[in-house]
């Protein structure tokens, strides 16, 4: 019995919501974010990444139609790949908290979900 493919339109909504929430968290309550992921020296950079995640999330959530959902998938894979790469490079160097390994695992999960998703028909 084969694996069931995830509907890409639903995946765009869920991944978009996750990116939106992840982007809003440090903007809404930086103290709790730092409690989990460690103190941040360059808070401007945290806010920049937060803003980019919010934009990505909004684009993914608002994706309607085959072309838009495919774009949401490319955006989702690209975003997840960059975040996972940063996590996997800088945790071993001791520059960011080991908690980011959980984020890396989640980002890899998004990549797997997108690469196995059932895309809408044109």
PDB file of N, CA and C in Angstrom:
ATOM      1  N   UNK A   1       0.845  -1.175   0.000  1.00  0.00           N
ATOM      2  CA  UNK A   1       0.000   0.000   0.000  1.00  0.00           C
ATOM      3  C   UNK A   1       0.891   1.239   0.000  1.00  0.00           C
ATOM      4  N   UNK A   2       0.650   2.177  -0.944  1.00  0.00           N
ATOM      5  CA  UNK A   2       1.465   3.380  -1.074  1.00  0.00           C
ATOM      6  C   UNK A   2       1.038   4.473  -0.113  1.00  0.00           C
ATOM      7  N   UNK A   3       1.892   5.453   0.003  1.00  0.00           N
ATOM      8  CA  UNK A   3       1.612   6.597   0.874  1.00  0.00           C
ATOM      9  C   UNK A   3       0.539   7.474   0.234  1.00  0.00           C
ATOM     10  N   UNK A   4      -0.236   8.112   1.061  1.00  0.00           N
ATOM     11  CA  UNK A   4      -1.276   9.028   0.585  1.00  0.00           C
ATOM     12  C   UNK A   4      -0.650  10.405   0.387  1.00  0.00           C
ATOM     13  N   UNK A   5      -0.837  10.973  -0.791  1.00  0.00           N
ATOM     14  CA  UNK A   5      -0.293  12.301  -1.079  1.00  0.00           C
ATOM     15  C   UNK A   5      -1.119  13.373  -0.375  1.00  0.00           C
ATOM     16  N   UNK A   6      -0.441  14.369   0.090  1.00  0.00           N
ATOM     17  CA  UNK A   6      -1.084  15.511   0.740  1.00  0.00           C
ATOM     18  C   UNK A   6      -1.567  16.465  -0.345  1.00  0.00           C
ATOM     19  N   UNK A   7      -2.743  17.007  -0.185  1.00  0.00           N
ATOM     20  CA  UNK A   7      -3.273  17.999  -1.103  1.00  0.00           C
ATOM     21  C   UNK A   7      -2.451  19.282  -0.981  1.00  0.00           C
ATOM     22  N   UNK A   8      -1.878  19.742  -2.090  1.00  0.00           N
ATOM     23  CA  UNK A   8      -0.983  20.904  -2.069  1.00  0.00           C
ATOM     24  C   UNK A   8      -1.699  22.183  -1.645  1.00  0.00           C
ATOM     25  N   UNK A   9      -2.968  22.332  -1.992  1.00  0.00           N
ATOM     26  CA  UNK A   9      -3.708  23.532  -1.576  1.00  0.00           C
ATOM     27  C   UNK A   9      -3.836  23.582  -0.059  1.00  0.00           C
ATOM     28  N   UNK A  10      -4.107  22.439   0.547  1.00  0.00           N
ATOM     29  CA  UNK A  10      -4.185  22.368   2.011  1.00  0.00           C
ATOM     30  C   UNK A  10      -2.817  22.590   2.634  1.00  0.00           C
ATOM     31  N   UNK A  11      -1.798  22.017   2.008  1.00  0.00           N
ATOM     32  CA  UNK A  11      -0.442  22.179   2.510  1.00  0.00           C
ATOM     33  C   UNK A  11      -0.026  23.646   2.470  1.00  0.00           C
ATOM     34  N   UNK A  12      -0.390  24.349   1.410  1.00  0.00           N
ATOM     35  CA  UNK A  12      -0.070  25.779   1.322  1.00  0.00           C
ATOM     36  C   UNK A  12      -0.692  26.546   2.484  1.00  0.00           C
ATOM     37  N   UNK A  13      -1.909  26.205   2.818  1.00  0.00           N
ATOM     38  CA  UNK A  13      -2.599  26.870   3.927  1.00  0.00           C
ATOM     39  C   UNK A  13      -1.912  26.565   5.263  1.00  0.00           C
ATOM     40  N   UNK A  14      -1.601  25.300   5.509  1.00  0.00           N
ATOM     41  CA  UNK A  14      -1.005  24.900   6.792  1.00  0.00           C
ATOM     42  C   UNK A  14       0.424  25.418   6.918  1.00  0.00           C
ATOM     43  N   UNK A  15       1.218  25.259   5.872  1.00  0.00           N
ATOM     44  CA  UNK A  15       2.597  25.739   5.929  1.00  0.00           C
ATOM     45  C   UNK A  15       2.620  27.265   6.027  1.00  0.00           C
ATOM     46  N   UNK A  16       1.718  27.905   5.307  1.00  0.00           N
ATOM     47  CA  UNK A  16       1.626  29.363   5.394  1.00  0.00           C
ATOM     48  C   UNK A  16       1.280  29.830   6.799  1.00  0.00           C
ATOM     49  N   UNK A  17       0.351  29.138   7.423  1.00  0.00           N
ATOM     50  CA  UNK A  17      -0.020  29.489   8.808  1.00  0.00           C
ATOM     51  C   UNK A  17       1.158  29.294   9.750  1.00  0.00           C
ATOM     52  N   UNK A  18       1.923  28.232   9.539  1.00  0.00           N
ATOM     53  CA  UNK A  18       3.102  27.980  10.376  1.00  0.00           C
ATOM     54  C   UNK A  18       4.155  29.071  10.176  1.00  0.00           C
ATOM     55  N   UNK A  19       4.382  29.468   8.925  1.00  0.00           N
ATOM     56  CA  UNK A  19       5.343  30.543   8.666  1.00  0.00           C
ATOM     57  C   UNK A  19       4.859  31.867   9.247  1.00  0.00           C
ATOM     58  N   UNK A  20       3.576  32.129   9.120  1.00  0.00           N
ATOM     59  CA  UNK A  20       3.009  33.358   9.682  1.00  0.00           C
ATOM     60  C   UNK A  20       3.169  33.374  11.202  1.00  0.00           C
ATOM     61  N   UNK A  21       2.828  32.286  11.847  1.00  0.00           N
ATOM     62  CA  UNK A  21       2.952  32.202  13.310  1.00  0.00           C
ATOM     63  C   UNK A  21       4.414  32.303  13.735  1.00  0.00           C
ATOM     64  N   UNK A  22       5.293  31.618  13.014  1.00  0.00           N
ATOM     65  CA  UNK A  22       6.715  31.668  13.338  1.00  0.00           C
ATOM     66  C   UNK A  22       7.300  33.053  13.168  1.00  0.00           C
ATOM     67  N   UNK A  23       6.793  33.794  12.190  1.00  0.00           N
ATOM     68  CA  UNK A  23       7.257  35.158  11.987  1.00  0.00           C
ATOM     69  C   UNK A  23       6.698  36.128  13.016  1.00  0.00           C
ATOM     70  N   UNK A  24       5.459  35.916  13.398  1.00  0.00           N
ATOM     71  CA  UNK A  24       4.833  36.819  14.376  1.00  0.00           C
ATOM     72  C   UNK A  24       5.374  36.629  15.790  1.00  0.00           C
ATOM     73  N   UNK A  25       5.718  35.398  16.151  1.00  0.00           N
ATOM     74  CA  UNK A  25       6.103  35.091  17.530  1.00  0.00           C
ATOM     75  C   UNK A  25       7.164  36.047  18.083  1.00  0.00           C
ATOM     76  N   UNK A  26       8.339  36.191  17.444  1.00  0.00           N
ATOM     77  CA  UNK A  26       9.344  37.075  18.048  1.00  0.00           C
ATOM     78  C   UNK A  26       8.944  38.551  18.022  1.00  0.00           C
ATOM     79  N   UNK A  27       8.060  38.916  17.118  1.00  0.00           N
ATOM     80  CA  UNK A  27       7.603  40.308  17.089  1.00  0.00           C
ATOM     81  C   UNK A  27       6.609  40.597  18.195  1.00  0.00           C
ATOM     82  N   UNK A  28       5.800  39.608  18.521  1.00  0.00           N
ATOM     83  CA  UNK A  28       4.768  39.768  19.547  1.00  0.00           C
ATOM     84  C   UNK A  28       5.337  39.563  20.950  1.00  0.00           C
ATOM     85  N   UNK A  29       6.237  38.571  21.096  1.00  0.00           N
ATOM     86  CA  UNK A  29       6.768  38.283  22.436  1.00  0.00           C
ATOM     87  C   UNK A  29       8.200  37.763  22.328  1.00  0.00           C
ATOM     88  N   UNK A  30       9.128  38.680  22.131  1.00  0.00           N
ATOM     89  CA  UNK A  30      10.533  38.322  21.947  1.00  0.00           C
ATOM     90  C   UNK A  30      11.096  37.576  23.153  1.00  0.00           C
ATOM     91  N   UNK A  31      10.653  37.933  24.355  1.00  0.00           N
ATOM     92  CA  UNK A  31      11.175  37.270  25.559  1.00  0.00           C
ATOM     93  C   UNK A  31      10.935  35.757  25.531  1.00  0.00           C
ATOM     94  N   UNK A  32       9.727  35.321  25.163  1.00  0.00           N
ATOM     95  CA  UNK A  32       9.455  33.881  25.130  1.00  0.00           C
ATOM     96  C   UNK A  32      10.211  33.213  23.989  1.00  0.00           C
ATOM     97  N   UNK A  33      10.359  33.913  22.882  1.00  0.00           N
ATOM     98  CA  UNK A  33      11.130  33.379  21.754  1.00  0.00           C
ATOM     99  C   UNK A  33      12.579  33.147  22.184  1.00  0.00           C
ATOM    100  N   UNK A  34      13.159  34.130  22.867  1.00  0.00           N
ATOM    101  CA  UNK A  34      14.542  34.001  23.324  1.00  0.00           C
ATOM    102  C   UNK A  34      14.681  32.960  24.435  1.00  0.00           C
ATOM    103  N   UNK A  35      13.640  32.762  25.212  1.00  0.00           N
ATOM    104  CA  UNK A  35      13.680  31.747  26.259  1.00  0.00           C
ATOM    105  C   UNK A  35      13.841  30.350  25.629  1.00  0.00           C
ATOM    106  N   UNK A  36      13.217  30.139  24.479  1.00  0.00           N
ATOM    107  CA  UNK A  36      13.286  28.844  23.798  1.00  0.00           C
ATOM    108  C   UNK A  36      14.537  28.739  22.922  1.00  0.00           C
ATOM    109  N   UNK A  37      14.820  29.774  22.138  1.00  0.00           N
ATOM    110  CA  UNK A  37      15.877  29.706  21.139  1.00  0.00           C
ATOM    111  C   UNK A  37      17.158  30.443  21.509  1.00  0.00           C
ATOM    112  N   UNK A  38      17.205  30.996  22.708  1.00  0.00           N
ATOM    113  CA  UNK A  38      18.417  31.663  23.165  1.00  0.00           C
ATOM    114  C   UNK A  38      18.405  33.151  22.876  1.00  0.00           C
ATOM    115  N   UNK A  39      19.198  33.901  23.648  1.00  0.00           N
ATOM    116  CA  UNK A  39      19.242  35.352  23.480  1.00  0.00           C
ATOM    117  C   UNK A  39      19.787  35.746  22.110  1.00  0.00           C
ATOM    118  N   UNK A  40      19.306  36.856  21.609  1.00  0.00           N
ATOM    119  CA  UNK A  40      19.709  37.354  20.299  1.00  0.00           C
ATOM    120  C   UNK A  40      20.479  38.667  20.456  1.00  0.00           C
ATOM    121  N   UNK A  41      21.624  38.741  19.807  1.00  0.00           N
ATOM    122  CA  UNK A  41      22.437  39.949  19.848  1.00  0.00           C
ATOM    123  C   UNK A  41      21.892  40.962  18.836  1.00  0.00           C
ATOM    124  N   UNK A  42      21.627  40.489  17.631  1.00  0.00           N
ATOM    125  CA  UNK A  42      21.151  41.361  16.551  1.00  0.00           C
ATOM    126  C   UNK A  42      19.638  41.246  16.416  1.00  0.00           C
ATOM    127  N   UNK A  43      18.943  41.985  17.245  1.00  0.00           N
ATOM    128  CA  UNK A  43      17.472  41.908  17.220  1.00  0.00           C
ATOM    129  C   UNK A  43      16.891  42.422  15.904  1.00  0.00           C
ATOM    130  N   UNK A  44      17.591  43.316  15.239  1.00  0.00           N
ATOM    131  CA  UNK A  44      17.130  43.799  13.935  1.00  0.00           C
ATOM    132  C   UNK A  44      17.064  42.631  12.943  1.00  0.00           C
ATOM    133  N   UNK A  45      18.010  41.687  13.069  1.00  0.00           N
ATOM    134  CA  UNK A  45      18.022  40.535  12.174  1.00  0.00           C
ATOM    135  C   UNK A  45      16.859  39.590  12.480  1.00  0.00           C
ATOM    136  N   UNK A  46      16.543  39.415  13.752  1.00  0.00           N
ATOM    137  CA  UNK A  46      15.375  38.611  14.146  1.00  0.00           C
ATOM    138  C   UNK A  46      14.125  39.223  13.531  1.00  0.00           C
ATOM    139  N   UNK A  47      14.008  40.533  13.602  1.00  0.00           N
ATOM    140  CA  UNK A  47      12.830  41.215  13.057  1.00  0.00           C
ATOM    141  C   UNK A  47      12.784  41.117  11.532  1.00  0.00           C
ATOM    142  N   UNK A  48      13.946  41.138  10.888  1.00  0.00           N
ATOM    143  CA  UNK A  48      13.998  40.999   9.431  1.00  0.00           C
ATOM    144  C   UNK A  48      13.514  39.612   9.006  1.00  0.00           C
ATOM    145  N   UNK A  49      14.053  38.579   9.643  1.00  0.00           N
ATOM    146  CA  UNK A  49      13.636  37.206   9.327  1.00  0.00           C
ATOM    147  C   UNK A  49      12.146  37.037   9.638  1.00  0.00           C
ATOM    148  N   UNK A  50      11.703  37.616  10.753  1.00  0.00           N
ATOM    149  CA  UNK A  50      10.277  37.549  11.106  1.00  0.00           C
ATOM    150  C   UNK A  50       9.416  38.140   9.998  1.00  0.00           C
ATOM    151  N   UNK A  51       9.798  39.297   9.515  1.00  0.00           N
ATOM    152  CA  UNK A  51       9.036  39.946   8.442  1.00  0.00           C
ATOM    153  C   UNK A  51       8.987  39.103   7.182  1.00  0.00           C
ATOM    154  N   UNK A  52      10.116  38.503   6.832  1.00  0.00           N
ATOM    155  CA  UNK A  52      10.148  37.650   5.640  1.00  0.00           C
ATOM    156  C   UNK A  52       9.270  36.413   5.812  1.00  0.00           C
ATOM    157  N   UNK A  53       9.289  35.818   7.005  1.00  0.00           N
ATOM    158  CA  UNK A  53       8.421  34.664   7.252  1.00  0.00           C
ATOM    159  C   UNK A  53       6.950  35.053   7.187  1.00  0.00           C
ATOM    160  N   UNK A  54       6.617  36.232   7.693  1.00  0.00           N
ATOM    161  CA  UNK A  54       5.229  36.704   7.628  1.00  0.00           C
ATOM    162  C   UNK A  54       4.793  36.865   6.178  1.00  0.00           C
ATOM    163  N   UNK A  55       5.630  37.492   5.375  1.00  0.00           N
ATOM    164  CA  UNK A  55       5.298  37.674   3.953  1.00  0.00           C
ATOM    165  C   UNK A  55       5.134  36.319   3.269  1.00  0.00           C
ATOM    166  N   UNK A  56       6.071  35.398   3.512  1.00  0.00           N
ATOM    167  CA  UNK A  56       5.959  34.065   2.914  1.00  0.00           C
ATOM    168  C   UNK A  56       4.666  33.387   3.333  1.00  0.00           C
ATOM    169  N   UNK A  57       4.347  33.482   4.611  1.00  0.00           N
ATOM    170  CA  UNK A  57       3.125  32.861   5.113  1.00  0.00           C
ATOM    171  C   UNK A  57       1.879  33.432   4.470  1.00  0.00           C
ATOM    172  N   UNK A  58       1.820  34.751   4.353  1.00  0.00           N
ATOM    173  CA  UNK A  58       0.653  35.395   3.735  1.00  0.00           C
ATOM    174  C   UNK A  58       0.517  34.969   2.281  1.00  0.00           C
ATOM    175  N   UNK A  59       1.635  34.909   1.554  1.00  0.00           N
ATOM    176  CA  UNK A  59       1.595  34.466   0.154  1.00  0.00           C
ATOM    177  C   UNK A  59       1.093  33.029   0.068  1.00  0.00           C
ATOM    178  N   UNK A  60       1.593  32.158   0.924  1.00  0.00           N
ATOM    179  CA  UNK A  60       1.160  30.759   0.886  1.00  0.00           C
ATOM    180  C   UNK A  60      -0.323  30.628   1.243  1.00  0.00           C
ATOM    181  N   UNK A  61      -0.759  31.318   2.285  1.00  0.00           N
ATOM    182  CA  UNK A  61      -2.160  31.247   2.715  1.00  0.00           C
ATOM    183  C   UNK A  61      -3.103  31.750   1.631  1.00  0.00           C
ATOM    184  N   UNK A  62      -2.686  32.770   0.902  1.00  0.00           N
ATOM    185  CA  UNK A  62      -3.571  33.375  -0.092  1.00  0.00           C
ATOM    186  C   UNK A  62      -3.485  32.709  -1.463  1.00  0.00           C
ATOM    187  N   UNK A  63      -2.735  31.635  -1.581  1.00  0.00           N
ATOM    188  CA  UNK A  63      -2.567  30.950  -2.864  1.00  0.00           C
ATOM    189  C   UNK A  63      -3.851  30.242  -3.280  1.00  0.00           C
ATOM    190  N   UNK A  64      -4.354  30.626  -4.428  1.00  0.00           N
ATOM    191  CA  UNK A  64      -5.558  30.016  -4.995  1.00  0.00           C
ATOM    192  C   UNK A  64      -5.273  29.690  -6.457  1.00  0.00           C
ATOM    193  N   UNK A  65      -5.680  28.533  -6.881  1.00  0.00           N
ATOM    194  CA  UNK A  65      -5.464  28.123  -8.268  1.00  0.00           C
ATOM    195  C   UNK A  65      -4.154  27.372  -8.416  1.00  0.00           C
ATOM    196  N   UNK A  66      -4.057  26.611  -9.476  1.00  0.00           N
ATOM    197  CA  UNK A  66      -2.929  25.703  -9.690  1.00  0.00           C
ATOM    198  C   UNK A  66      -1.586  26.431  -9.726  1.00  0.00           C
ATOM    199  N   UNK A  67      -1.504  27.510 -10.491  1.00  0.00           N
ATOM    200  CA  UNK A  67      -0.227  28.222 -10.598  1.00  0.00           C
ATOM    201  C   UNK A  67       0.200  28.809  -9.258  1.00  0.00           C
ATOM    202  N   UNK A  68      -0.720  29.411  -8.539  1.00  0.00           N
ATOM    203  CA  UNK A  68      -0.401  30.020  -7.249  1.00  0.00           C
ATOM    204  C   UNK A  68       0.023  28.974  -6.224  1.00  0.00           C
ATOM    205  N   UNK A  69      -0.634  27.827  -6.232  1.00  0.00           N
ATOM    206  CA  UNK A  69      -0.280  26.770  -5.278  1.00  0.00           C
ATOM    207  C   UNK A  69       1.102  26.208  -5.614  1.00  0.00           C
ATOM    208  N   UNK A  70       1.404  26.075  -6.894  1.00  0.00           N
ATOM    209  CA  UNK A  70       2.746  25.624  -7.273  1.00  0.00           C
ATOM    210  C   UNK A  70       3.803  26.637  -6.831  1.00  0.00           C
ATOM    211  N   UNK A  71       3.498  27.916  -6.963  1.00  0.00           N
ATOM    212  CA  UNK A  71       4.404  28.962  -6.480  1.00  0.00           C
ATOM    213  C   UNK A  71       4.548  28.883  -4.969  1.00  0.00           C
ATOM    214  N   UNK A  72       3.443  28.646  -4.269  1.00  0.00           N
ATOM    215  CA  UNK A  72       3.494  28.488  -2.808  1.00  0.00           C
ATOM    216  C   UNK A  72       4.389  27.314  -2.429  1.00  0.00           C
ATOM    217  N   UNK A  73       4.360  26.261  -3.218  1.00  0.00           N
ATOM    218  CA  UNK A  73       5.209  25.105  -2.969  1.00  0.00           C
ATOM    219  C   UNK A  73       6.680  25.423  -3.157  1.00  0.00           C
ATOM    220  N   UNK A  74       6.997  26.136  -4.240  1.00  0.00           N
ATOM    221  CA  UNK A  74       8.394  26.521  -4.464  1.00  0.00           C
ATOM    222  C   UNK A  74       8.877  27.452  -3.355  1.00  0.00           C
ATOM    223  N   UNK A  75       8.027  28.377  -2.949  1.00  0.00           N
ATOM    224  CA  UNK A  75       8.359  29.286  -1.849  1.00  0.00           C
ATOM    225  C   UNK A  75       8.538  28.498  -0.556  1.00  0.00           C
ATOM    226  N   UNK A  76       7.650  27.544  -0.317  1.00  0.00           N
ATOM    227  CA  UNK A  76       7.729  26.725   0.891  1.00  0.00           C
ATOM    228  C   UNK A  76       8.995  25.891   0.944  1.00  0.00           C
ATOM    229  N   UNK A  77       9.337  25.254  -0.165  1.00  0.00           N
ATOM    230  CA  UNK A  77      10.550  24.431  -0.215  1.00  0.00           C
ATOM    231  C   UNK A  77      11.783  25.307  -0.045  1.00  0.00           C
ATOM    232  N   UNK A  78      11.828  26.429  -0.741  1.00  0.00           N
ATOM    233  CA  UNK A  78      12.990  27.316  -0.649  1.00  0.00           C
ATOM    234  C   UNK A  78      13.184  27.872   0.751  1.00  0.00           C
ATOM    235  N   UNK A  79      12.096  28.322   1.351  1.00  0.00           N
ATOM    236  CA  UNK A  79      12.167  28.870   2.704  1.00  0.00           C
ATOM    237  C   UNK A  79      12.620  27.796   3.689  1.00  0.00           C
ATOM    238  N   UNK A  80      12.017  26.627   3.606  1.00  0.00           N
ATOM    239  CA  UNK A  80      12.364  25.531   4.521  1.00  0.00           C
ATOM    240  C   UNK A  80      13.820  25.099   4.328  1.00  0.00           C
ATOM    241  N   UNK A  81      14.284  25.067   3.085  1.00  0.00           N
ATOM    242  CA  UNK A  81      15.667  24.647   2.817  1.00  0.00           C
ATOM    243  C   UNK A  81      16.667  25.639   3.415  1.00  0.00           C
ATOM    244  N   UNK A  82      16.395  26.923   3.260  1.00  0.00           N
ATOM    245  CA  UNK A  82      17.298  27.934   3.822  1.00  0.00           C
ATOM    246  C   UNK A  82      17.307  27.861   5.343  1.00  0.00           C
ATOM    247  N   UNK A  83      16.136  27.783   5.956  1.00  0.00           N
ATOM    248  CA  UNK A  83      16.071  27.723   7.419  1.00  0.00           C
ATOM    249  C   UNK A  83      16.758  26.466   7.953  1.00  0.00           C
ATOM    250  N   UNK A  84      16.517  25.328   7.311  1.00  0.00           N
ATOM    251  CA  UNK A  84      17.161  24.076   7.749  1.00  0.00           C
ATOM    252  C   UNK A  84      18.677  24.162   7.587  1.00  0.00           C
ATOM    253  N   UNK A  85      19.136  24.710   6.481  1.00  0.00           N
ATOM    254  CA  UNK A  85      20.580  24.834   6.244  1.00  0.00           C
ATOM    255  C   UNK A  85      21.237  25.698   7.315  1.00  0.00           C
ATOM    256  N   UNK A  86      20.618  26.824   7.640  1.00  0.00           N
ATOM    257  CA  UNK A  86      21.164  27.703   8.683  1.00  0.00           C
ATOM    258  C   UNK A  86      21.227  26.949  10.007  1.00  0.00           C
ATOM    259  N   UNK A  87      20.142  26.260  10.338  1.00  0.00           N
ATOM    260  CA  UNK A  87      20.095  25.484  11.584  1.00  0.00           C
ATOM    261  C   UNK A  87      21.217  24.450  11.629  1.00  0.00           C
ATOM    262  N   UNK A  88      21.379  23.714  10.539  1.00  0.00           N
ATOM    263  CA  UNK A  88      22.334  22.602  10.517  1.00  0.00           C
ATOM    264  C   UNK A  88      23.792  23.048  10.412  1.00  0.00           C
ATOM    265  N   UNK A  89      24.010  24.274   9.960  1.00  0.00           N
ATOM    266  CA  UNK A  89      25.376  24.803   9.911  1.00  0.00           C
ATOM    267  C   UNK A  89      25.762  25.451  11.239  1.00  0.00           C
ATOM    268  N   UNK A  90      24.858  26.239  11.815  1.00  0.00           N
ATOM    269  CA  UNK A  90      25.245  27.060  12.962  1.00  0.00           C
ATOM    270  C   UNK A  90      25.028  26.423  14.327  1.00  0.00           C
ATOM    271  N   UNK A  91      24.189  25.379  14.429  1.00  0.00           N
ATOM    272  CA  UNK A  91      24.094  24.664  15.710  1.00  0.00           C
ATOM    273  C   UNK A  91      25.418  23.964  16.017  1.00  0.00           C
ATOM    274  N   UNK A  92      25.980  23.187  15.084  1.00  0.00           N
ATOM    275  CA  UNK A  92      27.252  22.511  15.390  1.00  0.00           C
ATOM    276  C   UNK A  92      28.398  23.482  15.715  1.00  0.00           C
ATOM    277  N   UNK A  93      28.341  24.681  15.159  1.00  0.00           N
ATOM    278  CA  UNK A  93      29.369  25.681  15.444  1.00  0.00           C
ATOM    279  C   UNK A  93      29.161  26.336  16.813  1.00  0.00           C
ATOM    280  N   UNK A  94      28.024  26.039  17.450  1.00  0.00           N
ATOM    281  CA  UNK A  94      27.727  26.618  18.751  1.00  0.00           C
ATOM    282  C   UNK A  94      27.277  28.062  18.695  1.00  0.00           C
ATOM    283  N   UNK A  95      26.898  28.533  17.512  1.00  0.00           N
ATOM    284  CA  UNK A  95      26.489  29.931  17.365  1.00  0.00           C
ATOM    285  C   UNK A  95      25.001  30.149  17.604  1.00  0.00           C
ATOM    286  N   UNK A  96      24.223  29.070  17.534  1.00  0.00           N
ATOM    287  CA  UNK A  96      22.801  29.146  17.864  1.00  0.00           C
ATOM    288  C   UNK A  96      22.438  27.934  18.718  1.00  0.00           C
ATOM    289  N   UNK A  97      21.340  28.062  19.424  1.00  0.00           N
ATOM    290  CA  UNK A  97      20.875  27.030  20.358  1.00  0.00           C
ATOM    291  C   UNK A  97      20.606  25.696  19.661  1.00  0.00           C
ATOM    292  N   UNK A  98      20.847  24.616  20.389  1.00  0.00           N
ATOM    293  CA  UNK A  98      20.537  23.277  19.882  1.00  0.00           C
ATOM    294  C   UNK A  98      19.042  23.106  19.615  1.00  0.00           C
ATOM    295  N   UNK A  99      18.217  23.970  20.184  1.00  0.00           N
ATOM    296  CA  UNK A  99      16.773  23.923  19.912  1.00  0.00           C
ATOM    297  C   UNK A  99      16.486  24.102  18.419  1.00  0.00           C
ATOM    298  N   UNK A 100      17.395  24.739  17.719  1.00  0.00           N
ATOM    299  CA  UNK A 100      17.203  24.926  16.285  1.00  0.00           C
ATOM    300  C   UNK A 100      17.278  23.607  15.521  1.00  0.00           C
ATOM    301  N   UNK A 101      17.786  22.549  16.149  1.00  0.00           N
ATOM    302  CA  UNK A 101      17.753  21.239  15.487  1.00  0.00           C
ATOM    303  C   UNK A 101      16.324  20.735  15.354  1.00  0.00           C
ATOM    304  N   UNK A 102      15.467  21.093  16.319  1.00  0.00           N
ATOM    305  CA  UNK A 102      14.041  20.758  16.185  1.00  0.00           C
ATOM    306  C   UNK A 102      13.433  21.520  15.010  1.00  0.00           C
ATOM    307  N   UNK A 103      13.837  22.767  14.863  1.00  0.00           N
ATOM    308  CA  UNK A 103      13.362  23.545  13.716  1.00  0.00           C
ATOM    309  C   UNK A 103      13.849  22.915  12.418  1.00  0.00           C
ATOM    310  N   UNK A 104      15.106  22.480  12.384  1.00  0.00           N
ATOM    311  CA  UNK A 104      15.638  21.843  11.172  1.00  0.00           C
ATOM    312  C   UNK A 104      14.814  20.614  10.804  1.00  0.00           C
ATOM    313  N   UNK A 105      14.471  19.809  11.802  1.00  0.00           N
ATOM    314  CA  UNK A 105      13.661  18.614  11.545  1.00  0.00           C
ATOM    315  C   UNK A 105      12.300  19.003  10.970  1.00  0.00           C
ATOM    316  N   UNK A 106      11.695  20.047  11.526  1.00  0.00           N
ATOM    317  CA  UNK A 106      10.403  20.501  11.031  1.00  0.00           C
ATOM    318  C   UNK A 106      10.532  21.020   9.595  1.00  0.00           C
ATOM    319  N   UNK A 107      11.588  21.772   9.323  1.00  0.00           N
ATOM    320  CA  UNK A 107      11.781  22.314   7.968  1.00  0.00           C
ATOM    321  C   UNK A 107      11.973  21.180   6.960  1.00  0.00           C
ATOM    322  N   UNK A 108      12.717  20.166   7.342  1.00  0.00           N
ATOM    323  CA  UNK A 108      12.894  19.001   6.460  1.00  0.00           C
ATOM    324  C   UNK A 108      11.550  18.309   6.234  1.00  0.00           C
ATOM    325  N   UNK A 109      10.727  18.279   7.267  1.00  0.00           N
ATOM    326  CA  UNK A 109       9.371  17.735   7.124  1.00  0.00           C
ATOM    327  C   UNK A 109       8.552  18.496   6.098  1.00  0.00           C
ATOM    328  N   UNK A 110       8.660  19.834   6.115  1.00  0.00           N
ATOM    329  CA  UNK A 110       7.944  20.639   5.110  1.00  0.00           C
ATOM    330  C   UNK A 110       8.432  20.313   3.704  1.00  0.00           C
ATOM    331  N   UNK A 111       9.749  20.151   3.554  1.00  0.00           N
ATOM    332  CA  UNK A 111      10.304  19.829   2.233  1.00  0.00           C
ATOM    333  C   UNK A 111       9.758  18.485   1.751  1.00  0.00           C
ATOM    334  N   UNK A 112       9.749  17.509   2.620  1.00  0.00           N
ATOM    335  CA  UNK A 112       9.212  16.190   2.256  1.00  0.00           C
ATOM    336  C   UNK A 112       7.731  16.295   1.894  1.00  0.00           C
ATOM    337  N   UNK A 113       6.985  17.045   2.699  1.00  0.00           N
ATOM    338  CA  UNK A 113       5.548  17.208   2.424  1.00  0.00           C
ATOM    339  C   UNK A 113       5.325  17.836   1.046  1.00  0.00           C
ATOM    340  N   UNK A 114       6.080  18.889   0.745  1.00  0.00           N
ATOM    341  CA  UNK A 114       5.899  19.549  -0.555  1.00  0.00           C
ATOM    342  C   UNK A 114       6.328  18.663  -1.716  1.00  0.00           C
ATOM    343  N   UNK A 115       7.409  17.925  -1.538  1.00  0.00           N
ATOM    344  CA  UNK A 115       7.886  17.099  -2.661  1.00  0.00           C
ATOM    345  C   UNK A 115       7.010  15.882  -2.907  1.00  0.00           C
ATOM    346  N   UNK A 116       6.145  15.545  -1.962  1.00  0.00           N
ATOM    347  CA  UNK A 116       5.220  14.419  -2.139  1.00  0.00           C
ATOM    348  C   UNK A 116       3.771  14.867  -2.291  1.00  0.00           C
ATOM    349  N   UNK A 117       3.534  16.171  -2.270  1.00  0.00           N
ATOM    350  CA  UNK A 117       2.172  16.701  -2.329  1.00  0.00           C
ATOM    351  C   UNK A 117       1.535  16.463  -3.699  1.00  0.00           C
ATOM    352  N   UNK A 118       0.227  16.329  -3.667  1.00  0.00           N
ATOM    353  CA  UNK A 118      -0.538  16.191  -4.896  1.00  0.00           C
ATOM    354  C   UNK A 118      -0.898  17.595  -5.376  1.00  0.00           C
ATOM    355  N   UNK A 119      -0.265  18.010  -6.465  1.00  0.00           N
ATOM    356  CA  UNK A 119      -0.470  19.360  -6.983  1.00  0.00           C
ATOM    357  C   UNK A 119      -1.803  19.461  -7.727  1.00  0.00           C
ATOM    358  N   UNK A 120      -2.429  20.646  -7.673  1.00  0.00           N
ATOM    359  CA  UNK A 120      -3.690  20.809  -8.407  1.00  0.00           C
ATOM    360  C   UNK A 120      -3.455  20.743  -9.896  1.00  0.00           C
ATOM    361  N   UNK A 121      -4.477  20.316 -10.599  1.00  0.00           N
ATOM    362  CA  UNK A 121      -4.388  20.231 -12.066  1.00  0.00           C
ATOM    363  C   UNK A 121      -4.571  21.619 -12.678  1.00  0.00           C
ATOM    364  N   UNK A 122      -3.853  21.828 -13.763  1.00  0.00           N
ATOM    365  CA  UNK A 122      -3.913  23.123 -14.475  1.00  0.00           C
ATOM    366  C   UNK A 122      -5.263  23.323 -15.118  1.00  0.00           C
TER     367      UNK A 122
END
